[in-house]
Protein backbone atom coordinates (compact mmCIF):
# COMPACT_ATOMS: atom_id res chain seq x y z
CA MET A 1 66.99 -49.73 -35.50
CA LYS A 2 64.56 -51.61 -37.71
CA ALA A 3 65.58 -55.01 -36.37
CA ASP A 4 64.22 -56.08 -33.00
CA PRO A 5 66.83 -54.96 -30.41
CA HIS A 6 65.92 -57.97 -28.28
CA GLU A 7 67.61 -60.13 -30.91
CA PHE A 8 70.97 -58.58 -30.07
CA THR A 9 72.89 -60.03 -27.15
CA PHE A 10 76.24 -59.50 -25.47
CA GLY A 11 79.08 -60.57 -27.76
CA LEU A 12 82.37 -60.04 -25.90
CA ASP A 13 84.40 -62.97 -24.61
CA SER A 14 83.65 -62.68 -20.88
CA ASN A 15 82.39 -65.24 -18.40
CA LEU A 16 80.89 -62.41 -16.32
CA VAL A 17 77.90 -62.09 -18.67
CA THR A 18 75.48 -65.00 -19.10
CA PRO A 19 71.95 -65.20 -20.57
CA ALA A 20 70.65 -64.60 -17.04
CA SER A 21 72.61 -61.34 -16.63
CA LEU A 22 70.81 -57.98 -16.64
CA ASN A 23 73.21 -56.70 -19.31
CA TYR A 24 73.02 -59.74 -21.60
CA ARG A 25 70.20 -58.55 -23.91
CA LEU A 26 69.35 -55.05 -25.13
CA PRO A 27 66.02 -53.91 -23.66
CA SER A 28 65.44 -51.28 -26.39
CA TRP A 29 67.27 -49.12 -28.92
CA PRO A 30 68.83 -47.07 -27.63
CA PRO A 31 68.77 -48.56 -24.12
CA PRO A 32 67.42 -46.52 -21.17
CA ARG A 33 70.02 -44.22 -19.63
CA ASP A 34 69.95 -46.16 -16.35
CA TRP A 35 70.41 -49.55 -18.04
CA PRO A 36 73.39 -51.40 -16.47
CA VAL A 37 76.11 -51.72 -19.09
CA VAL A 38 78.99 -53.13 -17.00
CA ILE A 39 78.47 -55.37 -13.96
CA ASP A 40 81.39 -56.82 -11.99
CA LYS A 41 81.75 -60.36 -10.68
CA ASP A 42 80.02 -59.45 -7.40
CA GLY A 43 76.92 -58.17 -9.21
CA LYS A 44 77.76 -54.50 -8.60
CA VAL A 45 76.81 -52.12 -11.43
CA VAL A 46 80.04 -50.42 -12.55
CA SER A 47 78.64 -48.31 -15.40
CA ARG A 48 75.20 -47.42 -16.77
CA TRP A 49 74.36 -46.53 -20.36
CA GLY A 50 73.99 -42.78 -19.75
CA ASP A 51 77.16 -42.41 -17.67
CA PRO A 52 79.78 -40.03 -19.12
CA ILE A 53 82.42 -42.70 -18.49
CA TRP A 54 82.10 -46.45 -19.03
CA ARG A 55 84.60 -48.46 -17.00
CA LEU A 56 85.32 -51.72 -18.83
CA TRP A 57 87.87 -53.23 -16.43
CA PRO A 58 85.68 -56.23 -15.43
CA TRP A 59 85.71 -57.37 -19.08
CA HIS A 60 89.27 -56.32 -19.85
CA GLY A 61 91.11 -57.37 -16.70
CA ARG A 62 93.08 -54.10 -16.78
CA PRO A 63 92.16 -50.44 -16.24
CA LEU A 64 90.14 -49.41 -19.30
CA GLN A 65 87.54 -46.70 -19.59
CA LEU A 66 85.67 -44.86 -22.33
CA ASN A 67 85.10 -41.15 -21.73
CA PHE A 68 82.20 -39.92 -23.87
CA GLY A 69 83.12 -36.29 -23.21
CA ASP A 70 79.77 -35.11 -21.85
CA GLY A 71 80.62 -35.19 -18.17
CA LYS A 72 80.83 -32.09 -16.01
CA LYS A 73 84.53 -32.39 -15.28
CA GLY A 74 87.65 -33.97 -16.72
CA ARG A 75 90.37 -33.29 -19.23
CA ALA A 76 88.58 -34.99 -22.12
CA LYS A 77 87.50 -32.74 -24.99
CA ARG A 78 83.89 -31.68 -24.73
CA ILE A 79 81.23 -33.49 -26.74
CA ASP A 80 77.65 -32.29 -26.68
CA ALA A 81 74.89 -34.56 -25.38
CA ALA A 82 73.50 -35.53 -28.79
CA ASN A 83 76.86 -36.56 -30.23
CA ALA A 84 77.88 -38.32 -27.02
CA ASP A 85 74.73 -40.44 -27.31
CA LEU A 86 75.55 -41.25 -30.95
CA LEU A 87 78.97 -42.38 -29.75
CA ARG A 88 77.33 -44.52 -27.06
CA MET A 89 75.13 -46.10 -29.73
CA VAL A 90 78.19 -46.97 -31.83
CA VAL A 91 79.83 -48.62 -28.81
CA THR A 92 76.60 -50.43 -27.90
CA TRP A 93 76.35 -51.68 -31.48
CA LEU A 94 79.95 -52.96 -31.22
CA ILE A 95 79.18 -54.97 -28.07
CA TRP A 96 75.56 -56.05 -28.56
CA GLY A 97 74.99 -55.55 -32.30
CA PRO A 98 74.55 -58.14 -35.07
CA ARG A 99 78.32 -58.54 -35.53
CA PRO A 100 79.84 -57.85 -32.13
CA VAL A 101 83.56 -57.66 -31.49
CA LYS A 102 85.14 -60.10 -29.04
CA LYS A 103 87.51 -58.03 -26.92
CA ALA A 104 87.04 -54.94 -24.77
CA ALA A 105 90.34 -53.61 -26.16
CA THR A 106 88.85 -53.76 -29.67
CA VAL A 107 85.86 -51.76 -28.46
CA ALA A 108 88.24 -49.13 -27.08
CA PHE A 109 90.17 -49.00 -30.36
CA TYR A 110 87.07 -48.29 -32.44
CA PHE A 111 85.78 -45.88 -29.78
CA HIS A 112 88.92 -43.76 -30.13
CA THR A 113 88.66 -44.11 -33.91
CA VAL A 114 85.17 -42.54 -34.04
CA LYS A 115 85.46 -40.11 -31.14
CA PRO A 116 87.34 -37.42 -33.18
CA ILE A 117 84.32 -37.21 -35.50
CA MET A 118 82.03 -36.51 -32.54
CA GLU A 119 84.46 -33.90 -31.17
CA LEU A 120 84.69 -32.13 -34.52
CA CYS A 121 80.92 -32.08 -35.02
CA SER A 122 80.34 -30.85 -31.45
CA ARG A 123 82.79 -28.01 -31.97
CA ASP A 124 80.99 -26.99 -35.17
CA GLY A 125 77.53 -27.32 -33.60
CA ILE A 126 76.22 -30.14 -35.79
CA ARG A 127 75.15 -33.73 -35.17
CA ALA A 128 77.51 -36.40 -36.48
CA ASP A 129 74.67 -38.23 -38.23
CA SER A 130 74.17 -35.13 -40.40
CA LEU A 131 77.87 -34.72 -41.22
CA MET A 132 77.34 -35.36 -44.93
CA ARG A 133 75.30 -32.16 -45.21
CA PHE A 134 78.38 -30.14 -44.26
CA PRO A 135 81.16 -30.84 -46.82
CA LYS A 136 83.56 -28.30 -45.34
CA VAL A 137 83.41 -30.07 -41.98
CA LEU A 138 84.05 -33.38 -43.75
CA GLU A 139 87.13 -31.87 -45.39
CA ARG A 140 88.53 -30.93 -41.99
CA LEU A 141 87.91 -34.44 -40.70
CA ARG A 142 90.93 -35.79 -42.60
CA ALA A 143 93.34 -33.75 -40.50
CA ARG A 144 91.81 -35.12 -37.29
CA LEU A 145 92.33 -38.77 -38.12
CA ALA A 146 95.60 -40.42 -37.08
CA SER A 147 97.61 -41.59 -40.08
CA SER A 148 98.74 -44.67 -38.16
CA TYR A 149 95.29 -46.27 -38.41
CA TYR A 150 93.72 -44.29 -41.24
CA ASP A 151 92.96 -47.39 -43.33
CA LYS A 152 91.27 -49.11 -40.39
CA MET A 153 89.21 -45.99 -39.81
CA ILE A 154 87.96 -46.02 -43.41
CA ALA A 155 87.11 -49.73 -43.15
CA PHE A 156 85.19 -49.14 -39.93
CA LEU A 157 83.23 -46.25 -41.42
CA HIS A 158 82.37 -48.57 -44.32
CA ARG A 159 81.08 -51.12 -41.83
CA LEU A 160 79.00 -48.53 -39.99
CA HIS A 161 77.41 -47.49 -43.29
CA ASP A 162 76.71 -51.11 -44.27
CA ASP A 163 74.91 -51.65 -40.95
CA ARG A 164 73.09 -48.30 -41.00
CA GLU A 165 69.67 -49.98 -40.76
CA SER A 166 70.48 -51.86 -37.56
CA LEU A 167 72.43 -48.90 -36.16
CA GLY A 168 69.73 -46.40 -37.06
CA PHE A 169 72.00 -43.78 -38.64
CA THR A 170 75.20 -43.39 -40.65
CA LEU A 171 78.17 -41.08 -40.26
CA VAL A 172 79.80 -41.06 -43.70
CA ASP A 173 78.10 -42.24 -46.91
CA PRO A 174 79.91 -43.77 -49.95
CA GLY A 175 80.56 -40.33 -51.43
CA GLY A 176 82.20 -39.13 -48.26
CA LEU A 177 84.21 -42.34 -47.94
CA LYS A 178 85.48 -41.78 -51.47
CA LEU A 179 86.72 -38.32 -50.52
CA LEU A 180 88.45 -39.62 -47.40
CA VAL A 181 90.16 -42.42 -49.33
CA ALA A 182 91.43 -39.91 -51.89
CA ALA A 183 92.90 -37.81 -49.07
CA ALA A 184 94.63 -40.76 -47.36
CA PRO A 185 98.11 -39.88 -46.02
CA ASP A 186 101.19 -41.39 -47.63
CA GLY A 187 103.48 -43.76 -45.82
CA ALA A 188 103.08 -46.46 -43.20
CA PRO A 189 103.43 -46.14 -39.44
CA GLU A 190 106.98 -46.52 -38.16
CA GLN A 191 108.04 -49.73 -36.47
CA THR A 192 110.15 -49.71 -33.32
CA VAL A 193 113.71 -49.15 -34.51
CA TYR A 194 116.31 -51.91 -34.35
CA ILE A 195 118.75 -51.40 -31.52
CA PRO A 196 122.51 -51.48 -32.37
CA PRO A 197 124.23 -54.68 -31.14
CA ARG A 198 126.61 -52.94 -28.72
CA ILE A 199 123.81 -51.15 -26.91
CA TRP A 200 121.59 -54.25 -26.96
CA LEU A 201 124.34 -56.37 -25.42
CA TYR A 202 125.03 -53.76 -22.74
CA GLN A 203 121.43 -53.36 -21.61
CA VAL A 204 120.64 -57.08 -21.66
CA GLY A 205 123.83 -57.78 -19.70
CA ARG A 206 122.90 -55.19 -17.13
CA LEU A 207 119.37 -56.60 -16.78
CA ARG A 208 120.84 -60.05 -16.24
CA GLU A 209 123.21 -58.69 -13.60
CA CYS A 210 120.24 -57.21 -11.74
CA LEU A 211 118.39 -60.54 -11.85
CA THR A 212 121.47 -62.52 -10.82
CA ASP A 213 122.07 -60.21 -7.86
CA PHE A 214 118.49 -60.74 -6.73
CA LEU A 215 118.69 -64.53 -6.98
CA THR A 216 121.99 -64.47 -5.08
CA HIS A 217 120.23 -62.66 -2.23
CA ARG A 218 116.84 -64.31 -2.68
CA LYS A 219 116.73 -66.03 0.71
CA GLN A 220 117.78 -62.85 2.47
CA VAL A 221 115.11 -60.83 0.60
CA GLU A 222 112.40 -63.34 1.48
CA ALA A 223 113.47 -63.45 5.13
CA CYS A 224 113.57 -59.64 5.37
CA PHE A 225 110.18 -59.31 3.65
CA ARG A 226 108.57 -61.74 6.09
CA PHE A 227 110.24 -60.02 9.03
CA CYS A 228 108.77 -56.69 7.91
CA LEU A 229 105.30 -58.24 7.45
CA ASP A 230 105.44 -59.68 10.96
CA ALA A 231 106.63 -56.33 12.35
CA TYR A 232 103.74 -54.46 10.75
CA ALA A 233 101.23 -57.09 11.85
CA ALA A 234 102.50 -56.81 15.42
CA SER A 235 102.32 -53.00 15.46
CA TYR A 236 98.87 -52.73 13.87
CA GLY A 237 97.34 -55.78 15.52
CA SER A 238 97.07 -57.90 12.37
CA LEU A 239 98.32 -58.00 8.81
CA GLU A 240 94.83 -57.11 7.57
CA ALA A 241 94.85 -53.94 9.72
CA ALA A 242 98.33 -53.06 8.46
CA LEU A 243 97.07 -53.31 4.86
CA THR A 244 94.21 -50.82 5.26
CA SER A 245 94.53 -47.49 3.49
CA LYS A 246 93.73 -45.42 6.59
CA LYS A 247 96.23 -46.92 9.02
CA PRO A 248 98.04 -44.33 11.19
CA ASP A 249 101.66 -43.76 10.14
CA TYR A 250 102.86 -43.34 13.70
CA LYS A 251 102.39 -47.06 14.26
CA SER A 252 104.99 -47.97 11.64
CA PRO A 253 107.50 -50.31 13.32
CA PHE A 254 110.39 -48.44 11.65
CA ASN A 255 109.22 -44.92 12.51
CA SER A 256 111.82 -43.57 14.91
CA ALA A 257 110.12 -40.18 15.17
CA SER A 258 107.29 -41.37 17.40
CA SER A 259 107.36 -42.98 20.81
CA GLU A 260 106.15 -46.48 21.45
CA ARG A 261 102.44 -46.22 22.12
CA ASN A 262 99.13 -47.87 21.36
CA GLY A 263 100.77 -51.24 20.98
CA ARG A 264 103.41 -50.09 18.52
CA ILE A 265 106.63 -52.09 18.64
CA TYR A 266 109.63 -50.14 17.36
CA GLN A 267 112.02 -52.35 15.38
CA GLY A 268 114.79 -49.82 14.89
CA ARG A 269 115.75 -48.21 11.58
CA PHE A 270 115.08 -50.28 8.50
CA SER A 271 118.65 -49.70 7.37
CA GLU A 272 119.76 -51.68 10.43
CA ALA A 273 117.41 -54.53 9.50
CA ALA A 274 118.65 -54.45 5.89
CA ALA A 275 122.23 -54.73 7.09
CA ARG A 276 121.28 -57.54 9.47
CA PHE A 277 119.70 -59.51 6.61
CA GLY A 278 122.61 -58.84 4.28
CA LEU A 279 120.69 -56.54 1.91
CA ALA A 280 122.48 -53.23 2.41
CA GLU A 281 124.82 -53.81 -0.53
CA PRO A 282 122.29 -54.82 -3.24
CA LEU A 283 119.79 -52.14 -2.15
CA SER A 284 122.45 -49.42 -2.29
CA LYS A 285 123.87 -50.73 -5.56
CA TRP A 286 120.60 -50.61 -7.47
CA LEU A 287 118.71 -47.83 -5.66
CA GLY A 288 121.42 -45.60 -4.25
CA ASN A 289 121.60 -44.49 -0.64
CA ASP A 290 120.74 -41.16 0.92
CA GLN A 291 123.67 -40.57 3.26
CA GLU A 292 121.54 -38.49 5.65
CA GLN A 293 118.29 -40.48 5.64
CA GLY A 294 119.67 -43.94 5.00
CA LEU A 295 117.55 -46.72 3.54
CA GLY A 296 113.87 -46.62 4.45
CA VAL A 297 111.57 -49.64 4.39
CA LYS A 298 110.02 -48.39 1.13
CA ALA A 299 113.37 -49.23 -0.48
CA LEU A 300 112.47 -52.91 -0.16
CA SER A 301 109.35 -52.38 -2.29
CA SER A 302 111.28 -50.26 -4.77
CA TYR A 303 113.91 -52.98 -5.11
CA LEU A 304 111.30 -55.66 -5.76
CA SER A 305 109.61 -53.44 -8.37
CA LEU A 306 112.96 -52.74 -10.03
CA VAL A 307 113.78 -56.43 -10.33
CA ASN A 308 110.23 -57.09 -11.49
CA LEU A 309 110.50 -54.61 -14.37
CA ALA A 310 114.06 -55.69 -15.21
CA GLY A 311 112.85 -59.29 -15.46
CA LEU A 312 110.00 -58.39 -17.80
CA ALA A 313 112.38 -56.37 -19.99
CA TYR A 314 114.83 -59.28 -20.01
CA ILE A 315 112.12 -61.70 -21.17
CA ALA A 316 110.97 -59.24 -23.84
CA ASN A 317 114.53 -59.06 -25.19
CA PHE A 318 114.42 -62.77 -25.97
CA THR A 319 110.79 -63.14 -27.07
CA LEU A 320 110.10 -59.79 -28.81
CA GLN A 321 106.77 -59.69 -27.02
CA ARG A 322 104.81 -56.48 -26.78
CA LYS A 323 104.65 -54.90 -23.35
CA GLU A 324 100.99 -55.94 -22.95
CA GLU A 325 101.96 -59.53 -23.76
CA VAL A 326 104.90 -59.74 -21.39
CA GLY A 327 102.78 -58.01 -18.75
CA SER A 328 100.18 -60.80 -18.89
CA LEU A 329 102.60 -63.70 -18.28
CA ARG A 330 102.06 -65.92 -15.27
CA ALA A 331 104.49 -67.76 -13.01
CA SER A 332 103.94 -70.97 -14.99
CA CYS A 333 104.70 -69.36 -18.36
CA LEU A 334 108.00 -71.16 -19.04
CA HIS A 335 107.63 -74.59 -20.62
CA TRP A 336 110.35 -76.90 -21.89
CA GLU A 337 109.58 -79.00 -24.95
CA LYS A 338 111.75 -81.85 -26.15
CA ASP A 339 112.93 -81.79 -29.77
CA GLU A 340 114.74 -84.75 -31.32
CA GLN A 341 117.33 -82.52 -32.96
CA LEU A 342 117.51 -79.49 -30.68
CA GLY A 343 116.99 -81.15 -27.31
CA ARG A 344 115.12 -79.14 -24.65
CA VAL A 345 113.56 -76.03 -26.17
CA PRO A 346 112.27 -73.23 -23.88
CA ILE A 347 108.79 -71.92 -24.75
CA ILE A 348 107.08 -68.90 -23.20
CA CYS A 349 103.30 -69.35 -23.06
CA GLY A 350 100.90 -66.46 -22.64
CA GLU A 351 98.44 -64.19 -24.41
CA THR A 352 99.11 -62.36 -27.66
CA THR A 353 97.61 -59.02 -28.66
CA LYS A 354 98.77 -59.13 -32.26
CA THR A 355 96.40 -60.00 -35.14
CA ASP A 356 93.82 -62.38 -33.63
CA PRO A 357 93.71 -62.41 -29.81
CA ASP A 358 94.99 -65.73 -28.51
CA SER A 359 95.01 -66.73 -24.85
CA ASP A 360 97.43 -69.61 -25.49
CA ALA A 361 100.15 -68.10 -27.66
CA ARG A 362 103.72 -69.41 -27.61
CA TRP A 363 107.12 -67.83 -28.16
CA VAL A 364 110.28 -69.86 -28.72
CA THR A 365 112.91 -68.18 -26.56
CA SER A 366 116.37 -68.48 -25.06
CA PRO A 367 117.25 -70.63 -22.03
CA SER A 368 118.46 -67.34 -20.51
CA VAL A 369 114.89 -66.32 -19.62
CA GLU A 370 114.77 -69.01 -16.94
CA ILE A 371 116.52 -66.74 -14.42
CA ALA A 372 114.01 -63.96 -15.11
CA VAL A 373 111.00 -66.25 -14.63
CA GLU A 374 112.56 -67.63 -11.43
CA ALA A 375 113.20 -64.16 -9.99
CA LEU A 376 109.79 -62.80 -10.94
CA SER A 377 108.01 -65.89 -9.61
CA ALA A 378 109.73 -65.43 -6.24
CA ILE A 379 108.66 -61.77 -6.08
CA THR A 380 105.06 -62.33 -7.13
CA HIS A 381 104.59 -65.14 -4.59
CA LEU A 382 105.99 -62.86 -1.88
CA ARG A 383 103.58 -60.11 -2.80
CA MET A 384 100.72 -62.59 -2.89
CA LEU A 385 101.22 -62.87 0.90
CA CYS A 386 99.83 -59.31 1.04
CA ALA A 387 97.26 -59.64 -1.75
CA LYS A 388 95.49 -62.67 -0.22
CA PRO A 389 94.40 -61.03 3.08
CA ASN A 390 93.67 -57.67 1.43
CA PRO A 391 89.89 -57.28 0.89
CA ALA A 392 90.52 -54.78 -1.92
CA ALA A 393 92.67 -57.22 -3.94
CA ARG A 394 90.55 -60.41 -3.67
CA PRO A 395 92.73 -62.71 -5.83
CA ALA A 396 90.92 -65.82 -7.04
CA ALA A 397 92.21 -69.25 -6.03
CA ALA A 398 93.65 -69.75 -9.52
CA ASP A 399 95.51 -66.44 -9.24
CA GLN A 400 96.93 -67.39 -5.87
CA GLU A 401 98.23 -70.66 -7.28
CA ASP A 402 99.59 -69.19 -10.52
CA PRO A 403 99.98 -65.41 -10.11
CA TYR A 404 100.98 -62.89 -12.77
CA LEU A 405 104.69 -62.13 -13.06
CA LEU A 406 103.92 -58.40 -13.16
CA SER A 407 103.20 -57.72 -9.50
CA ALA A 408 101.96 -54.56 -7.83
CA ALA A 409 103.51 -53.29 -4.60
CA THR A 410 100.77 -53.99 -2.04
CA GLU A 411 103.02 -54.27 1.01
CA PRO A 412 101.91 -52.32 4.13
CA TRP A 413 104.91 -50.00 3.82
CA SER A 414 104.54 -49.33 0.07
CA SER A 415 103.43 -45.86 -1.05
CA LYS A 416 100.78 -47.63 -3.16
CA SER A 417 99.39 -49.83 -0.39
CA GLY A 418 96.35 -47.59 0.00
CA ARG A 419 95.49 -47.68 -3.71
CA VAL A 420 95.10 -51.42 -4.20
CA MET A 421 92.95 -52.51 -7.14
CA PRO A 422 91.20 -55.88 -7.47
CA TYR A 423 93.77 -58.48 -8.55
CA GLY A 424 91.79 -59.13 -11.73
CA ILE A 425 92.52 -55.58 -12.92
CA ARG A 426 96.00 -55.89 -14.28
CA SER A 427 98.58 -53.14 -13.85
CA MET A 428 99.79 -51.51 -17.04
CA VAL A 429 103.43 -51.91 -18.02
CA GLY A 430 104.92 -48.44 -18.23
CA SER A 431 107.32 -47.21 -20.88
CA LEU A 432 110.96 -48.28 -20.64
CA GLY A 433 111.87 -44.61 -20.56
CA GLY A 434 109.74 -44.23 -17.45
CA VAL A 435 111.38 -47.27 -15.85
CA LEU A 436 114.86 -45.86 -16.45
CA LYS A 437 113.82 -42.46 -15.07
CA ARG A 438 112.44 -44.12 -11.95
CA PHE A 439 115.51 -46.35 -11.52
CA PRO A 440 118.46 -44.38 -12.93
CA LEU A 441 121.08 -46.81 -11.63
CA LEU A 442 119.76 -49.69 -13.73
CA LEU A 443 121.59 -48.52 -16.87
CA ASP A 444 124.56 -46.18 -17.28
CA ARG A 445 123.53 -43.32 -19.59
CA GLU A 446 127.10 -42.98 -20.83
CA GLN A 447 127.07 -46.59 -22.02
CA MET A 448 123.79 -45.89 -23.81
CA ARG A 449 125.16 -42.96 -25.83
CA ILE A 450 125.21 -43.52 -29.58
CA THR A 451 128.66 -43.89 -31.17
CA ARG A 452 129.48 -43.44 -34.85
CA GLU A 453 129.56 -47.20 -35.31
CA ASP A 454 126.21 -47.59 -33.51
CA LEU A 455 124.61 -45.03 -35.82
CA LYS A 456 126.18 -46.61 -38.89
CA VAL A 457 124.65 -49.99 -38.05
CA ALA A 458 121.30 -48.46 -37.13
CA LEU A 459 121.05 -46.51 -40.39
CA ARG A 460 121.62 -49.67 -42.42
CA LEU A 461 118.40 -51.09 -41.02
CA ASN A 462 116.50 -47.81 -40.54
CA PRO A 463 117.70 -45.29 -43.16
CA THR A 464 115.03 -42.76 -42.13
CA LEU A 465 115.93 -42.46 -38.44
CA PRO A 466 115.03 -38.93 -37.26
CA GLU A 467 118.22 -37.00 -36.53
CA GLU A 468 116.67 -35.15 -33.61
CA LYS A 469 116.43 -38.43 -31.68
CA PHE A 470 119.21 -40.58 -33.16
CA ALA A 471 122.57 -38.87 -33.46
CA VAL A 472 126.11 -39.45 -32.24
CA GLY A 473 126.29 -38.51 -28.56
CA LYS A 474 122.58 -38.85 -27.85
CA VAL A 475 121.28 -41.51 -25.41
CA TRP A 476 119.59 -44.36 -27.28
CA PRO A 477 115.83 -44.23 -26.46
CA LEU A 478 114.92 -47.75 -25.41
CA ALA A 479 111.39 -48.97 -26.13
CA TRP A 480 109.53 -52.22 -25.58
């Protein structure tokens, strides 16, 4: 790097890095292997420059890591030490270079764009910065690049070549770029297919029914949730003790298999408590009921998670938000604006991931989403009762006042209670297919089967639908 590396400073949008931070300014090029790359809000070093994995969650707010492939273990494809360091230099250049990107997600995108080059060169025993001396390897590179972002890959390689003096090396020169452009794949990436009206109406009606059922029983759910919290706090000595990952199971207040000891207070079977609070019917309706085991207390967490995901899907139906966008909404996301001609207009406010990142994006929506926001707000405020005293979660005051609608199950009885992440690390919204597999009673598969009329309508809008997925009799594959 001919330019002075001290001129290059941290460029991402993050209030965790200031001019006084150890990771604000590059100390050299490349940096020392023990140089702290990522530091969390408490000043703890999360990742150092030479680490095989950089964990970017403090900057991203969600789980995000870059695996450079030179660690001792892991499922990532192997990259030799020299090429892994070249990849680290590209990422360092993206964050601290003369034209840094602004978002950690953008860093990850370009990382995964360049990583196949490093994997290919490692497999062939060459350094990526000498790729142009091996034309046969360059020819094979085309097959390793995803067609969905091929054009962006070419543009990024152009940028790397333009900045070769500050970066200190280049991967592909103009001649190589010309060859890659000539070999560009035909066609554009497929968009999510349009869902036939009958199936759309069925699934949105079913989601609404789930939300309506929850709101009908909201007071009972809240009372039962608080009763369970109190029961766990009494058995374990405090709510904080009940939230620890290493708490003994025999102290569970609903565990009928163990005798009352060590201060444990047995509350009877949870199914009895559910019936007492008037929740047996909705829990059985949406989760099913094991006739031998009956409803366990984990069913309460499962029900809240089901309603949570149904509410997010319901909102997405009326905003067309991406799953990352709907997953970042907060309890205060619904605004009503007055229009002289239309009257009160509902607006969903949040963050967009499309085109330019915007932390104050807006989606005009349907008044129907109000029930979803109401249900999800009730659930996330309930779960905040567990997040606040949990030292692993540590929600900020602003998060406690206006929590995210996507809420993790951190209750003492949840199977995930021992794997709590800091509240600032957002949970990822899973695929709709995964949601339906986890909660099979949410939608009736028979109602989701494609009819001749469904297929006829779908083919008008998407003439190239693959027959192996979209055919009469097959279940329509829902997607965000």
